[in-house]
Amino acid sequence: MGFELTILGSSSATPIFNRHPTSQLLNIRDRYFLIDCGEGTLLQLLRYRIRYHRISHIFISHLHGDHYLGLVGLLSTFHLQGRTSELHLYGQQELMDIVEIQLRVSNTILRYNLIFHPVRHYTPEVILEDDEIQVRSIVLNHRVPCTGFLFIEKSRPRKLLIQKVQQKNIPISYYAKLKLGVDYVDEVGNVIPNKDLTETPPKARSYAYCSDTMYDPMLKDELKGVDLLYHEATFLHELLDRATQTYHCTALQAAQLAKDAEVSRLLIGHFSARYKELDPLLVEAQSIFKETELALEGRKFKVG
């Protein structure tokens, strides 16, 4: 089953040079998760022909406009187009205040159930967990409260080698145990090793989203070994002072964190409007961490 990221927006602060404010669509086993919703996100979803009505969860990292100003428009479009399935929204408590006041003054009562999950910005916690995935918040260091998100796929059960299972006349009632890795033991005590009856499932995959933040080497433990890390890289390192003043990162710093955390791949984004060409940011990051790519809009990245 798929685990794929689509970049909808990768600009910082303002749209420029055909780059839009931050937004991403994560598809995990055909479940759609929207991460941040900057201005123009709905248009980007339409542009890339994404079936946006399948979005079931929306995660907002913080309350700077380039990360949430597209949200109410998207919620309203769901309403106008007759959505009835529930939608889960994650963010700081003040986010719901913003949504509610805009719905109230426009006299809008949503046709669907919008379920809000407040996220605490000062401590990491599990904010979503079910049989397939776990999502954890990541405490980031920005000018306003800000959280990142770590998506971790749950390990899948072992896959039955159905022909071998049937050849051994193993009862159906035992299949669930085989999927858990249990050896088969028949009525007289004969043992058939599990590895002869099942195959190992694919490795569970993970994606970490680190939105606006200063360089924080302490994050390496939380991000250890993730398959794909998105980390902001607003400036080149020659503007380190500017990055520090604005609580942002340089491409070099993002790469250093990726290296220290031993992640498999790094995506850099949230590019400053001062950069029309992005290759210098990529070159700088790759000087530290070779497996770096640019979070270019419309690009899809498979995780794992």
C-alpha atoms as a PDB file:
ATOM      1  CA  MET A   1       0.000   0.000   0.000  1.00  0.00           C
ATOM      2  CA  GLY A   2       1.177   3.510  -0.800  1.00  0.00           C
ATOM      3  CA  PHE A   3       2.848   6.121   1.371  1.00  0.00           C
ATOM      4  CA  GLU A   4       3.351   9.237  -0.727  1.00  0.00           C
ATOM      5  CA  LEU A   5       3.822  12.966  -0.177  1.00  0.00           C
ATOM      6  CA  THR A   6       2.681  15.658  -2.633  1.00  0.00           C
ATOM      7  CA  ILE A   7       4.036  19.186  -2.277  1.00  0.00           C
ATOM      8  CA  LEU A   8       1.318  21.806  -2.767  1.00  0.00           C
ATOM      9  CA  GLY A   9       3.228  24.876  -1.565  1.00  0.00           C
ATOM     10  CA  SER A  10       6.811  25.566  -0.517  1.00  0.00           C
ATOM     11  CA  SER A  11       7.190  29.340  -0.243  1.00  0.00           C
ATOM     12  CA  SER A  12       7.697  31.251   2.983  1.00  0.00           C
ATOM     13  CA  ALA A  13       5.467  34.162   3.970  1.00  0.00           C
ATOM     14  CA  THR A  14       4.114  35.135   0.533  1.00  0.00           C
ATOM     15  CA  PRO A  15       3.381  33.596  -2.871  1.00  0.00           C
ATOM     16  CA  ILE A  16       6.159  34.454  -5.315  1.00  0.00           C
ATOM     17  CA  PHE A  17       7.917  33.081  -8.416  1.00  0.00           C
ATOM     18  CA  ASN A  18       5.005  30.648  -8.913  1.00  0.00           C
ATOM     19  CA  ARG A  19       5.610  29.271  -5.427  1.00  0.00           C
ATOM     20  CA  HIS A  20       2.688  29.117  -3.014  1.00  0.00           C
ATOM     21  CA  PRO A  21       2.572  29.187   0.797  1.00  0.00           C
ATOM     22  CA  THR A  22       3.135  25.965   2.670  1.00  0.00           C
ATOM     23  CA  SER A  23       0.870  22.964   2.223  1.00  0.00           C
ATOM     24  CA  GLN A  24       1.365  19.238   1.685  1.00  0.00           C
ATOM     25  CA  LEU A  25      -0.837  16.222   1.027  1.00  0.00           C
ATOM     26  CA  LEU A  26       0.231  12.921   2.594  1.00  0.00           C
ATOM     27  CA  ASN A  27      -1.371   9.736   1.271  1.00  0.00           C
ATOM     28  CA  ILE A  28      -0.991   6.766   3.607  1.00  0.00           C
ATOM     29  CA  ARG A  29      -2.686   3.606   2.335  1.00  0.00           C
ATOM     30  CA  ASP A  30      -5.263   5.731   0.447  1.00  0.00           C
ATOM     31  CA  ARG A  31      -6.005   7.893   3.484  1.00  0.00           C
ATOM     32  CA  TYR A  32      -5.471  11.607   2.828  1.00  0.00           C
ATOM     33  CA  PHE A  33      -3.842  13.895   5.407  1.00  0.00           C
ATOM     34  CA  LEU A  34      -3.421  17.626   4.698  1.00  0.00           C
ATOM     35  CA  ILE A  35      -0.462  19.258   6.433  1.00  0.00           C
ATOM     36  CA  ASP A  36      -0.753  23.040   6.709  1.00  0.00           C
ATOM     37  CA  CYS A  37      -3.104  24.993   4.482  1.00  0.00           C
ATOM     38  CA  GLY A  38      -1.610  28.246   3.237  1.00  0.00           C
ATOM     39  CA  GLU A  39      -3.390  30.639   0.914  1.00  0.00           C
ATOM     40  CA  GLY A  40      -4.265  28.981  -2.383  1.00  0.00           C
ATOM     41  CA  THR A  41      -4.166  25.404  -1.119  1.00  0.00           C
ATOM     42  CA  LEU A  42      -7.552  24.568  -2.654  1.00  0.00           C
ATOM     43  CA  LEU A  43      -6.402  25.837  -6.049  1.00  0.00           C
ATOM     44  CA  GLN A  44      -3.294  23.691  -5.774  1.00  0.00           C
ATOM     45  CA  LEU A  45      -5.375  20.636  -4.918  1.00  0.00           C
ATOM     46  CA  LEU A  46      -7.429  21.296  -8.042  1.00  0.00           C
ATOM     47  CA  ARG A  47      -4.334  21.994 -10.133  1.00  0.00           C
ATOM     48  CA  TYR A  48      -2.789  18.644  -9.277  1.00  0.00           C
ATOM     49  CA  ARG A  49      -6.102  16.791  -9.622  1.00  0.00           C
ATOM     50  CA  ILE A  50      -6.146  15.570  -6.058  1.00  0.00           C
ATOM     51  CA  ARG A  51      -9.474  14.198  -4.862  1.00  0.00           C
ATOM     52  CA  TYR A  52      -9.536  16.585  -1.947  1.00  0.00           C
ATOM     53  CA  HIS A  53     -12.891  15.373  -0.603  1.00  0.00           C
ATOM     54  CA  ARG A  54     -10.972  12.315   0.583  1.00  0.00           C
ATOM     55  CA  ILE A  55      -9.020  14.445   3.061  1.00  0.00           C
ATOM     56  CA  SER A  56     -10.007  13.172   6.490  1.00  0.00           C
ATOM     57  CA  HIS A  57      -7.475  14.926   8.741  1.00  0.00           C
ATOM     58  CA  ILE A  58      -5.929  18.408   8.582  1.00  0.00           C
ATOM     59  CA  PHE A  59      -2.872  19.383  10.646  1.00  0.00           C
ATOM     60  CA  ILE A  60      -1.946  23.053  11.151  1.00  0.00           C
ATOM     61  CA  SER A  61       1.536  23.678  12.535  1.00  0.00           C
ATOM     62  CA  HIS A  62       1.103  27.268  13.735  1.00  0.00           C
ATOM     63  CA  LEU A  63      -0.845  30.471  13.318  1.00  0.00           C
ATOM     64  CA  HIS A  64       1.253  32.456  10.886  1.00  0.00           C
ATOM     65  CA  GLY A  65      -0.969  33.183   7.913  1.00  0.00           C
ATOM     66  CA  ASP A  66       1.158  31.410   5.331  1.00  0.00           C
ATOM     67  CA  HIS A  67       0.316  28.151   7.089  1.00  0.00           C
ATOM     68  CA  TYR A  68      -3.442  28.456   7.657  1.00  0.00           C
ATOM     69  CA  LEU A  69      -5.074  31.230   5.597  1.00  0.00           C
ATOM     70  CA  GLY A  70      -6.424  28.721   3.083  1.00  0.00           C
ATOM     71  CA  LEU A  71      -8.185  26.668   5.753  1.00  0.00           C
ATOM     72  CA  VAL A  72     -11.560  28.393   6.113  1.00  0.00           C
ATOM     73  CA  GLY A  73     -11.965  28.551   2.347  1.00  0.00           C
ATOM     74  CA  LEU A  74     -11.342  24.815   2.110  1.00  0.00           C
ATOM     75  CA  LEU A  75     -13.755  24.054   4.962  1.00  0.00           C
ATOM     76  CA  SER A  76     -16.396  26.242   3.306  1.00  0.00           C
ATOM     77  CA  THR A  77     -15.916  24.526  -0.053  1.00  0.00           C
ATOM     78  CA  PHE A  78     -16.452  21.134   1.578  1.00  0.00           C
ATOM     79  CA  HIS A  79     -19.693  22.544   3.003  1.00  0.00           C
ATOM     80  CA  LEU A  80     -20.905  24.086  -0.258  1.00  0.00           C
ATOM     81  CA  GLN A  81     -20.209  20.885  -2.169  1.00  0.00           C
ATOM     82  CA  GLY A  82     -22.286  18.809   0.235  1.00  0.00           C
ATOM     83  CA  ARG A  83     -19.698  16.976   2.281  1.00  0.00           C
ATOM     84  CA  THR A  84     -21.247  14.819   5.001  1.00  0.00           C
ATOM     85  CA  SER A  85     -18.283  12.773   6.249  1.00  0.00           C
ATOM     86  CA  GLU A  86     -16.573  13.991   9.401  1.00  0.00           C
ATOM     87  CA  LEU A  87     -13.329  15.940   9.252  1.00  0.00           C
ATOM     88  CA  HIS A  88     -10.650  16.050  11.949  1.00  0.00           C
ATOM     89  CA  LEU A  89      -8.678  19.260  12.515  1.00  0.00           C
ATOM     90  CA  TYR A  90      -5.499  19.468  14.624  1.00  0.00           C
ATOM     91  CA  GLY A  91      -3.837  22.647  15.864  1.00  0.00           C
ATOM     92  CA  GLN A  92      -3.458  25.062  18.747  1.00  0.00           C
ATOM     93  CA  GLN A  93      -6.644  26.072  20.557  1.00  0.00           C
ATOM     94  CA  GLU A  94      -6.670  29.529  18.991  1.00  0.00           C
ATOM     95  CA  LEU A  95      -7.049  27.952  15.547  1.00  0.00           C
ATOM     96  CA  MET A  96     -10.604  26.901  16.369  1.00  0.00           C
ATOM     97  CA  ASP A  97     -11.341  30.431  17.591  1.00  0.00           C
ATOM     98  CA  ILE A  98     -10.355  31.702  14.141  1.00  0.00           C
ATOM     99  CA  VAL A  99     -12.478  29.117  12.360  1.00  0.00           C
ATOM    100  CA  GLU A 100     -15.529  29.634  14.561  1.00  0.00           C
ATOM    101  CA  ILE A 101     -15.597  33.426  14.250  1.00  0.00           C
ATOM    102  CA  GLN A 102     -15.416  33.249  10.458  1.00  0.00           C
ATOM    103  CA  LEU A 103     -18.181  30.669  10.298  1.00  0.00           C
ATOM    104  CA  ARG A 104     -20.288  32.682  12.729  1.00  0.00           C
ATOM    105  CA  VAL A 105     -20.049  36.046  10.952  1.00  0.00           C
ATOM    106  CA  SER A 106     -20.854  34.377   7.628  1.00  0.00           C
ATOM    107  CA  ASN A 107     -23.800  32.559   9.234  1.00  0.00           C
ATOM    108  CA  THR A 108     -22.407  29.210   8.107  1.00  0.00           C
ATOM    109  CA  ILE A 109     -23.432  25.968   9.800  1.00  0.00           C
ATOM    110  CA  LEU A 110     -21.307  23.182   8.342  1.00  0.00           C
ATOM    111  CA  ARG A 111     -23.158  20.210   6.862  1.00  0.00           C
ATOM    112  CA  TYR A 112     -20.505  17.883   8.240  1.00  0.00           C
ATOM    113  CA  ASN A 113     -19.022  17.265  11.662  1.00  0.00           C
ATOM    114  CA  LEU A 114     -15.761  19.178  12.181  1.00  0.00           C
ATOM    115  CA  ILE A 115     -13.913  17.539  15.078  1.00  0.00           C
ATOM    116  CA  PHE A 116     -11.207  19.715  16.587  1.00  0.00           C
ATOM    117  CA  HIS A 117      -8.210  18.238  18.426  1.00  0.00           C
ATOM    118  CA  PRO A 118      -6.203  20.852  20.345  1.00  0.00           C
ATOM    119  CA  VAL A 119      -2.444  20.312  20.175  1.00  0.00           C
ATOM    120  CA  ARG A 120      -0.176  21.422  23.005  1.00  0.00           C
ATOM    121  CA  HIS A 121       2.835  23.278  21.610  1.00  0.00           C
ATOM    122  CA  TYR A 122       5.086  22.798  24.631  1.00  0.00           C
ATOM    123  CA  THR A 123       5.304  19.016  24.905  1.00  0.00           C
ATOM    124  CA  PRO A 124       5.456  16.205  22.342  1.00  0.00           C
ATOM    125  CA  GLU A 125       2.481  13.873  22.446  1.00  0.00           C
ATOM    126  CA  VAL A 126       0.560  11.296  20.438  1.00  0.00           C
ATOM    127  CA  ILE A 127      -2.292  13.204  18.778  1.00  0.00           C
ATOM    128  CA  LEU A 128      -3.701  10.443  16.561  1.00  0.00           C
ATOM    129  CA  GLU A 129      -3.468   6.683  16.760  1.00  0.00           C
ATOM    130  CA  ASP A 130      -5.398   3.856  15.163  1.00  0.00           C
ATOM    131  CA  ASP A 131      -4.686   0.394  13.751  1.00  0.00           C
ATOM    132  CA  GLU A 132      -2.682   1.797  10.825  1.00  0.00           C
ATOM    133  CA  ILE A 133      -0.769   4.881  11.958  1.00  0.00           C
ATOM    134  CA  GLN A 134       0.421   6.950  14.859  1.00  0.00           C
ATOM    135  CA  VAL A 135       0.921  10.726  14.632  1.00  0.00           C
ATOM    136  CA  ARG A 136       3.055  12.546  17.184  1.00  0.00           C
ATOM    137  CA  SER A 137       3.535  16.271  17.636  1.00  0.00           C
ATOM    138  CA  ILE A 138       7.069  17.721  17.568  1.00  0.00           C
ATOM    139  CA  VAL A 139       7.880  20.821  19.615  1.00  0.00           C
ATOM    140  CA  LEU A 140       9.530  23.426  17.374  1.00  0.00           C
ATOM    141  CA  ASN A 141      11.229  26.722  18.234  1.00  0.00           C
ATOM    142  CA  HIS A 142       9.620  29.602  16.372  1.00  0.00           C
ATOM    143  CA  ARG A 143       8.436  33.148  17.111  1.00  0.00           C
ATOM    144  CA  VAL A 144       4.969  31.812  17.932  1.00  0.00           C
ATOM    145  CA  PRO A 145       3.929  28.395  19.281  1.00  0.00           C
ATOM    146  CA  CYS A 146       4.663  25.867  16.554  1.00  0.00           C
ATOM    147  CA  THR A 147       4.525  22.100  16.228  1.00  0.00           C
ATOM    148  CA  GLY A 148       5.773  19.639  13.683  1.00  0.00           C
ATOM    149  CA  PHE A 149       4.233  16.245  13.019  1.00  0.00           C
ATOM    150  CA  LEU A 150       5.697  12.742  12.875  1.00  0.00           C
ATOM    151  CA  PHE A 151       3.673  10.156  10.949  1.00  0.00           C
ATOM    152  CA  ILE A 152       4.576   6.567  11.800  1.00  0.00           C
ATOM    153  CA  GLU A 153       3.072   3.624   9.983  1.00  0.00           C
ATOM    154  CA  LYS A 154       2.083   0.681  12.162  1.00  0.00           C
ATOM    155  CA  SER A 155       3.800  -2.601  11.366  1.00  0.00           C
ATOM    156  CA  ARG A 156       1.637  -4.798   9.202  1.00  0.00           C
ATOM    157  CA  PRO A 157       0.954  -8.475  10.030  1.00  0.00           C
ATOM    158  CA  ARG A 158       2.921 -11.222   8.331  1.00  0.00           C
ATOM    159  CA  LYS A 159       1.513 -12.328   4.989  1.00  0.00           C
ATOM    160  CA  LEU A 160       0.244 -15.882   4.670  1.00  0.00           C
ATOM    161  CA  LEU A 161       1.777 -18.074   1.990  1.00  0.00           C
ATOM    162  CA  ILE A 162      -1.660 -19.372   1.315  1.00  0.00           C
ATOM    163  CA  GLN A 163      -0.721 -22.347  -0.880  1.00  0.00           C
ATOM    164  CA  LYS A 164       1.695 -23.687   1.740  1.00  0.00           C
ATOM    165  CA  VAL A 165      -0.812 -23.085   4.510  1.00  0.00           C
ATOM    166  CA  GLN A 166      -3.475 -25.025   2.633  1.00  0.00           C
ATOM    167  CA  GLN A 167      -1.075 -27.827   1.715  1.00  0.00           C
ATOM    168  CA  LYS A 168      -0.375 -28.334   5.414  1.00  0.00           C
ATOM    169  CA  ASN A 169      -4.126 -28.418   6.152  1.00  0.00           C
ATOM    170  CA  ILE A 170      -3.785 -25.700   8.774  1.00  0.00           C
ATOM    171  CA  PRO A 171      -7.236 -24.724  10.101  1.00  0.00           C
ATOM    172  CA  ILE A 172      -8.531 -21.247   9.272  1.00  0.00           C
ATOM    173  CA  SER A 173      -8.904 -20.553  12.984  1.00  0.00           C
ATOM    174  CA  TYR A 174      -5.085 -20.547  13.233  1.00  0.00           C
ATOM    175  CA  TYR A 175      -4.506 -17.942  10.506  1.00  0.00           C
ATOM    176  CA  ALA A 176      -4.616 -14.970  12.882  1.00  0.00           C
ATOM    177  CA  LYS A 177      -1.854 -16.491  15.019  1.00  0.00           C
ATOM    178  CA  LEU A 178       0.287 -17.148  11.943  1.00  0.00           C
ATOM    179  CA  LYS A 179      -0.004 -13.489  10.959  1.00  0.00           C
ATOM    180  CA  LEU A 180       1.342 -12.583  14.401  1.00  0.00           C
ATOM    181  CA  GLY A 181       4.408 -14.780  13.865  1.00  0.00           C
ATOM    182  CA  VAL A 182       3.361 -17.797  15.919  1.00  0.00           C
ATOM    183  CA  ASP A 183       4.645 -21.234  14.834  1.00  0.00           C
ATOM    184  CA  TYR A 184       2.005 -23.829  13.988  1.00  0.00           C
ATOM    185  CA  VAL A 185       1.736 -26.790  16.385  1.00  0.00           C
ATOM    186  CA  ASP A 186      -0.593 -29.624  15.392  1.00  0.00           C
ATOM    187  CA  GLU A 187      -2.555 -31.924  17.679  1.00  0.00           C
ATOM    188  CA  VAL A 188       0.349 -34.351  18.194  1.00  0.00           C
ATOM    189  CA  GLY A 189       2.949 -31.663  18.832  1.00  0.00           C
ATOM    190  CA  ASN A 190       4.567 -31.383  15.395  1.00  0.00           C
ATOM    191  CA  VAL A 191       5.861 -27.854  14.774  1.00  0.00           C
ATOM    192  CA  ILE A 192       5.942 -26.007  11.481  1.00  0.00           C
ATOM    193  CA  PRO A 193       8.041 -22.835  11.776  1.00  0.00           C
ATOM    194  CA  ASN A 194       6.183 -19.652  11.023  1.00  0.00           C
ATOM    195  CA  LYS A 195       8.787 -18.606   8.439  1.00  0.00           C
ATOM    196  CA  ASP A 196       7.736 -21.600   6.305  1.00  0.00           C
ATOM    197  CA  LEU A 197       4.138 -20.439   6.242  1.00  0.00           C
ATOM    198  CA  THR A 198       4.350 -16.642   6.059  1.00  0.00           C
ATOM    199  CA  GLU A 199       6.548 -13.913   4.658  1.00  0.00           C
ATOM    200  CA  THR A 200       7.896 -10.831   6.395  1.00  0.00           C
ATOM    201  CA  PRO A 201       5.825  -7.692   5.720  1.00  0.00           C
ATOM    202  CA  PRO A 202       7.441  -4.563   4.315  1.00  0.00           C
ATOM    203  CA  LYS A 203       9.212  -2.336   6.831  1.00  0.00           C
ATOM    204  CA  ALA A 204       6.968   0.236   8.496  1.00  0.00           C
ATOM    205  CA  ARG A 205       7.544   3.736   7.100  1.00  0.00           C
ATOM    206  CA  SER A 206       7.751   7.189   8.673  1.00  0.00           C
ATOM    207  CA  TYR A 207       7.537  10.840   7.659  1.00  0.00           C
ATOM    208  CA  ALA A 208       8.478  13.868   9.773  1.00  0.00           C
ATOM    209  CA  TYR A 209       7.293  17.402   9.034  1.00  0.00           C
ATOM    210  CA  CYS A 210       9.286  20.191  10.677  1.00  0.00           C
ATOM    211  CA  SER A 211       7.673  23.481   9.840  1.00  0.00           C
ATOM    212  CA  ASP A 212       9.024  26.924  10.814  1.00  0.00           C
ATOM    213  CA  THR A 213      11.749  26.615  13.419  1.00  0.00           C
ATOM    214  CA  MET A 214      15.209  27.632  14.476  1.00  0.00           C
ATOM    215  CA  TYR A 215      17.929  25.014  14.244  1.00  0.00           C
ATOM    216  CA  ASP A 216      17.478  22.686  17.193  1.00  0.00           C
ATOM    217  CA  PRO A 217      20.005  19.849  17.473  1.00  0.00           C
ATOM    218  CA  MET A 218      17.919  18.304  20.263  1.00  0.00           C
ATOM    219  CA  LEU A 219      15.363  17.204  17.666  1.00  0.00           C
ATOM    220  CA  LYS A 220      17.721  14.534  16.389  1.00  0.00           C
ATOM    221  CA  ASP A 221      16.473  12.006  18.938  1.00  0.00           C
ATOM    222  CA  GLU A 222      12.809  12.450  17.971  1.00  0.00           C
ATOM    223  CA  LEU A 223      13.677  12.251  14.277  1.00  0.00           C
ATOM    224  CA  LYS A 224      16.121   9.361  14.542  1.00  0.00           C
ATOM    225  CA  GLY A 225      16.024   7.145  11.490  1.00  0.00           C
ATOM    226  CA  VAL A 226      12.862   8.479   9.828  1.00  0.00           C
ATOM    227  CA  ASP A 227      12.483   7.567   6.176  1.00  0.00           C
ATOM    228  CA  LEU A 228      11.713  11.084   4.976  1.00  0.00           C
ATOM    229  CA  LEU A 229      12.234  14.369   6.802  1.00  0.00           C
ATOM    230  CA  TYR A 230      10.828  17.680   5.610  1.00  0.00           C
ATOM    231  CA  HIS A 231      12.616  20.582   7.258  1.00  0.00           C
ATOM    232  CA  GLU A 232      12.368  24.267   6.563  1.00  0.00           C
ATOM    233  CA  ALA A 233      15.417  25.875   4.956  1.00  0.00           C
ATOM    234  CA  THR A 234      14.379  29.478   4.543  1.00  0.00           C
ATOM    235  CA  PHE A 235      17.855  30.962   3.979  1.00  0.00           C
ATOM    236  CA  LEU A 236      21.325  30.188   2.764  1.00  0.00           C
ATOM    237  CA  HIS A 237      23.863  29.957   5.574  1.00  0.00           C
ATOM    238  CA  GLU A 238      25.406  33.311   4.623  1.00  0.00           C
ATOM    239  CA  LEU A 239      22.245  34.794   6.156  1.00  0.00           C
ATOM    240  CA  LEU A 240      22.555  32.896   9.431  1.00  0.00           C
ATOM    241  CA  ASP A 241      22.047  36.065  11.464  1.00  0.00           C
ATOM    242  CA  ARG A 242      18.824  36.794   9.604  1.00  0.00           C
ATOM    243  CA  ALA A 243      17.674  33.209  10.106  1.00  0.00           C
ATOM    244  CA  THR A 244      18.345  33.436  13.833  1.00  0.00           C
ATOM    245  CA  GLN A 245      16.555  36.788  14.167  1.00  0.00           C
ATOM    246  CA  THR A 246      13.447  35.430  12.464  1.00  0.00           C
ATOM    247  CA  TYR A 247      13.540  32.007  14.149  1.00  0.00           C
ATOM    248  CA  HIS A 248      14.210  30.192  10.910  1.00  0.00           C
ATOM    249  CA  CYS A 249      16.851  27.798   9.560  1.00  0.00           C
ATOM    250  CA  THR A 250      19.449  27.718   6.847  1.00  0.00           C
ATOM    251  CA  ALA A 251      19.805  24.928   4.324  1.00  0.00           C
ATOM    252  CA  LEU A 252      23.092  23.957   5.964  1.00  0.00           C
ATOM    253  CA  GLN A 253      21.466  23.641   9.377  1.00  0.00           C
ATOM    254  CA  ALA A 254      18.590  21.525   8.039  1.00  0.00           C
ATOM    255  CA  ALA A 255      21.112  19.178   6.432  1.00  0.00           C
ATOM    256  CA  GLN A 256      23.157  18.952   9.623  1.00  0.00           C
ATOM    257  CA  LEU A 257      20.077  17.905  11.582  1.00  0.00           C
ATOM    258  CA  ALA A 258      19.214  15.292   8.938  1.00  0.00           C
ATOM    259  CA  LYS A 259      22.736  13.916   9.134  1.00  0.00           C
ATOM    260  CA  ASP A 260      22.775  13.822  12.940  1.00  0.00           C
ATOM    261  CA  ALA A 261      19.345  12.167  13.052  1.00  0.00           C
ATOM    262  CA  GLU A 262      20.472   9.554  10.507  1.00  0.00           C
ATOM    263  CA  VAL A 263      17.345   9.991   8.397  1.00  0.00           C
ATOM    264  CA  SER A 264      17.153   8.321   4.992  1.00  0.00           C
ATOM    265  CA  ARG A 265      16.165  11.378   2.949  1.00  0.00           C
ATOM    266  CA  LEU A 266      15.696  15.108   3.456  1.00  0.00           C
ATOM    267  CA  LEU A 267      13.324  17.555   1.771  1.00  0.00           C
ATOM    268  CA  ILE A 268      13.961  21.257   2.220  1.00  0.00           C
ATOM    269  CA  GLY A 269      11.335  23.939   1.704  1.00  0.00           C
ATOM    270  CA  HIS A 270       9.779  27.181   3.008  1.00  0.00           C
ATOM    271  CA  PHE A 271      12.063  29.143   0.705  1.00  0.00           C
ATOM    272  CA  SER A 272      12.532  32.870   1.224  1.00  0.00           C
ATOM    273  CA  ALA A 273      11.072  35.154  -1.438  1.00  0.00           C
ATOM    274  CA  ARG A 274      14.579  36.533  -2.005  1.00  0.00           C
ATOM    275  CA  TYR A 275      15.540  33.344  -3.876  1.00  0.00           C
ATOM    276  CA  LYS A 276      14.237  33.058  -7.402  1.00  0.00           C
ATOM    277  CA  GLU A 277      16.617  30.172  -8.099  1.00  0.00           C
ATOM    278  CA  LEU A 278      16.673  27.370  -5.534  1.00  0.00           C
ATOM    279  CA  ASP A 279      19.692  25.355  -6.676  1.00  0.00           C
ATOM    280  CA  PRO A 280      22.091  27.193  -4.317  1.00  0.00           C
ATOM    281  CA  LEU A 281      20.009  26.027  -1.339  1.00  0.00           C
ATOM    282  CA  LEU A 282      20.107  22.457  -2.615  1.00  0.00           C
ATOM    283  CA  VAL A 283      23.862  22.557  -3.223  1.00  0.00           C
ATOM    284  CA  GLU A 284      24.465  23.929   0.271  1.00  0.00           C
ATOM    285  CA  ALA A 285      22.365  21.209   1.915  1.00  0.00           C
ATOM    286  CA  GLN A 286      23.909  18.428  -0.171  1.00  0.00           C
ATOM    287  CA  SER A 287      27.382  19.503   0.940  1.00  0.00           C
ATOM    288  CA  ILE A 288      26.399  18.121   4.367  1.00  0.00           C
ATOM    289  CA  PHE A 289      23.703  15.565   3.543  1.00  0.00           C
ATOM    290  CA  LYS A 290      23.777  14.150   0.039  1.00  0.00           C
ATOM    291  CA  GLU A 291      20.276  12.625   0.100  1.00  0.00           C
ATOM    292  CA  THR A 292      18.585  16.039  -0.024  1.00  0.00           C
ATOM    293  CA  GLU A 293      15.928  17.183  -2.482  1.00  0.00           C
ATOM    294  CA  LEU A 294      13.948  20.379  -3.005  1.00  0.00           C
ATOM    295  CA  ALA A 295      10.284  20.383  -1.997  1.00  0.00           C
ATOM    296  CA  LEU A 296       9.152  21.592  -5.408  1.00  0.00           C
ATOM    297  CA  GLU A 297       5.441  22.096  -5.970  1.00  0.00           C
ATOM    298  CA  GLY A 298       3.687  19.277  -7.747  1.00  0.00           C
ATOM    299  CA  ARG A 299       6.455  16.817  -6.951  1.00  0.00           C
ATOM    300  CA  LYS A 300       5.508  13.513  -5.373  1.00  0.00           C
ATOM    301  CA  PHE A 301       7.848  11.715  -2.988  1.00  0.00           C
ATOM    302  CA  LYS A 302       7.416   8.088  -2.026  1.00  0.00           C
ATOM    303  CA  VAL A 303       8.199   7.387   1.594  1.00  0.00           C
ATOM    304  CA  GLY A 304      10.305   4.333   2.376  1.00  0.00           C
END
